[in-house]
Structures are given as C-alpha cells and as structure tokens.
Amino acid sequence: MSDHPETPVTPVEAFEPPYYLAVFSTVRTQDQSGYGETNARMEELVKDIPGFLGMDHAQTPGGLGITVGYFRDADALAEWRSHAEHRSAQQRGRADWYERYTLHVAKVERSHGFVRPSG
C-alpha cells in the first residue's frame, strides 16, 4: 500500500490455488490526519500473519483506492480480521478517514501470471 517511487512496480505473483483474497475499495475523506502512520503500521502487522501472501494497491486520480490482500487460507484471513490493532484501525477509518468503502472476500480457484521476457 505504500507509494515508494524507487520500488519497481510489480503485482503480487500468482499463487497455487486455492487461496483467499480480500478486496478493499475506498473513497477517503479530506482529513487524513494520522492515516499514513496507521496505514504503515497495518502493512507491518499483516506481514506477521502466518499465511499472508502479499498485497496490491492502486489509487485512481479520482480518489478510488483499491487494496487486495492475499491469504493462503481462511484462517489467516480471519486472524487478520480479528487482530486487535487492525480492529482499532477499522474503527478509526469509519470515524475519520473513509467516506465509503466496500470489502469483498473471495476464494481463488484459478490463478496465473505473465512476465515479458527481457531483451
């Protein structure tokens, strides 16, 4: 979810199914006080969840943010959902940072990727 210009842009790799993903789409409020720090902390915490596979994030010029978290199994996703600091950040998000959001959770049954050969 970080915006680091020096980091090459690359999507999370395709994993062997089945696995789970959580698609979090947001429109944020004008006042984002504390959002960056909390977002960075959530990125640190989720990496410690056994079964966390990775995360993709995109932001449109119009303000739609989409974050996709990938998890090996439903237990890993449930552990993240119930993590105490994550729950607290969710409450703060509803109170301060989001105009609206949607969350979609899905089990991936098919996955593949492509990388253009260099040269």
Protein backbone atom coordinates (compact mmCIF):
# COMPACT_ATOMS: atom_id res chain seq x y z
CA MET A 1 0.00 0.00 0.00
CA SER A 2 3.00 2.30 0.21
CA ASP A 3 3.87 4.73 -2.54
CA HIS A 4 7.65 4.36 -2.91
CA PRO A 5 8.88 5.73 -6.28
CA GLU A 6 12.18 3.83 -6.01
CA THR A 7 10.38 0.49 -5.69
CA PRO A 8 9.69 -1.19 -9.04
CA VAL A 9 6.01 -1.61 -9.82
CA THR A 10 5.12 -5.28 -9.82
CA PRO A 11 1.92 -7.13 -8.91
CA VAL A 12 1.79 -9.88 -6.32
CA GLU A 13 2.70 -13.15 -8.01
CA ALA A 14 0.13 -15.79 -8.96
CA PHE A 15 -0.07 -18.45 -6.25
CA GLU A 16 -1.17 -22.05 -6.42
CA PRO A 17 -4.92 -22.09 -5.66
CA PRO A 18 -6.89 -22.28 -3.60
CA TYR A 19 -6.17 -19.16 -1.58
CA TYR A 20 -8.22 -16.20 -0.42
CA LEU A 21 -8.26 -12.55 -1.20
CA ALA A 22 -9.84 -9.51 0.39
CA VAL A 23 -10.59 -6.59 -1.93
CA PHE A 24 -10.96 -3.33 -0.03
CA SER A 25 -12.19 -0.40 -2.16
CA THR A 26 -12.33 3.05 -0.59
CA VAL A 27 -13.09 6.70 -1.09
CA ARG A 28 -11.36 8.76 1.59
CA THR A 29 -12.36 11.94 3.42
CA GLN A 30 -10.46 15.22 3.06
CA ASP A 31 -8.93 14.98 6.54
CA GLN A 32 -6.37 12.18 6.54
CA SER A 33 -4.65 13.10 9.82
CA GLY A 34 -2.85 10.02 11.11
CA TYR A 35 -3.80 7.85 8.14
CA GLY A 36 -0.27 7.44 6.76
CA GLU A 37 1.19 6.28 10.05
CA THR A 38 -1.67 3.88 10.70
CA ASN A 39 -1.50 2.52 7.16
CA ALA A 40 2.24 1.88 7.51
CA ARG A 41 1.64 0.11 10.83
CA MET A 42 -1.05 -2.12 9.28
CA GLU A 43 1.37 -3.04 6.47
CA GLU A 44 3.94 -4.09 9.10
CA LEU A 45 1.42 -6.07 11.16
CA VAL A 46 -0.21 -8.02 8.34
CA LYS A 47 3.19 -9.37 7.25
CA ASP A 48 3.39 -11.20 10.60
CA ILE A 49 0.15 -13.10 10.00
CA PRO A 50 1.03 -16.72 9.12
CA GLY A 51 -0.44 -17.34 5.68
CA PHE A 52 -0.29 -13.72 4.47
CA LEU A 53 0.92 -13.87 0.86
CA GLY A 54 1.09 -10.23 -0.20
CA MET A 55 -0.80 -7.09 -1.09
CA ASP A 56 -1.52 -4.96 -4.16
CA HIS A 57 -2.70 -1.35 -4.00
CA ALA A 58 -3.88 1.14 -6.61
CA GLN A 59 -5.27 4.67 -6.43
CA THR A 60 -7.19 6.34 -9.26
CA PRO A 61 -6.80 10.06 -10.00
CA GLY A 62 -10.46 10.44 -8.98
CA GLY A 63 -9.78 9.12 -5.48
CA LEU A 64 -10.85 5.46 -5.59
CA GLY A 65 -8.37 3.32 -3.66
CA ILE A 66 -8.24 -0.45 -4.10
CA THR A 67 -6.22 -2.75 -1.88
CA VAL A 68 -6.13 -6.50 -2.44
CA GLY A 69 -4.74 -8.69 0.34
CA TYR A 70 -3.84 -12.31 -0.46
CA PHE A 71 -4.03 -15.05 2.18
CA ARG A 72 -3.17 -18.76 1.97
CA ASP A 73 -6.32 -19.85 3.82
CA ALA A 74 -9.45 -18.66 5.57
CA ASP A 75 -7.78 -18.98 8.98
CA ALA A 76 -5.08 -16.45 8.01
CA LEU A 77 -7.72 -14.03 6.78
CA ALA A 78 -9.76 -14.50 9.96
CA GLU A 79 -6.68 -13.87 12.10
CA TRP A 80 -6.07 -10.57 10.27
CA ARG A 81 -9.73 -9.57 10.52
CA SER A 82 -9.73 -10.09 14.29
CA HIS A 83 -6.28 -8.61 15.06
CA ALA A 84 -6.76 -6.04 17.86
CA GLU A 85 -4.75 -3.20 16.25
CA HIS A 86 -6.42 -3.85 12.90
CA ARG A 87 -9.85 -3.68 14.55
CA SER A 88 -8.89 -0.36 16.13
CA ALA A 89 -7.71 0.99 12.75
CA GLN A 90 -11.00 -0.11 11.19
CA GLN A 91 -12.94 1.88 13.78
CA ARG A 92 -10.77 4.95 13.17
CA GLY A 93 -11.25 4.54 9.42
CA ARG A 94 -15.04 4.58 9.74
CA ALA A 95 -14.91 7.55 12.13
CA ASP A 96 -12.35 9.69 10.29
CA TRP A 97 -10.78 8.51 7.03
CA TYR A 98 -13.41 6.92 4.77
CA GLU A 99 -16.39 8.46 3.03
CA ARG A 100 -17.30 4.94 1.94
CA TYR A 101 -15.77 1.54 1.40
CA THR A 102 -16.62 -1.96 0.28
CA LEU A 103 -14.96 -5.22 1.22
CA HIS A 104 -15.20 -8.34 -0.92
CA VAL A 105 -13.72 -11.67 0.19
CA ALA A 106 -13.26 -14.47 -2.32
CA LYS A 107 -11.71 -17.90 -2.65
CA VAL A 108 -9.40 -18.04 -5.66
CA GLU A 109 -9.85 -21.13 -7.79
CA ARG A 110 -7.67 -20.15 -10.75
CA SER A 111 -4.54 -18.02 -10.90
CA HIS A 112 -1.83 -17.39 -13.46
CA GLY A 113 0.62 -14.64 -14.38
CA PHE A 114 2.76 -13.30 -17.22
CA VAL A 115 6.13 -11.59 -17.30
CA ARG A 116 7.52 -10.20 -20.57
CA PRO A 117 10.97 -11.65 -21.22
CA SER A 118 13.70 -9.01 -21.03
CA GLY A 119 15.75 -8.27 -24.09
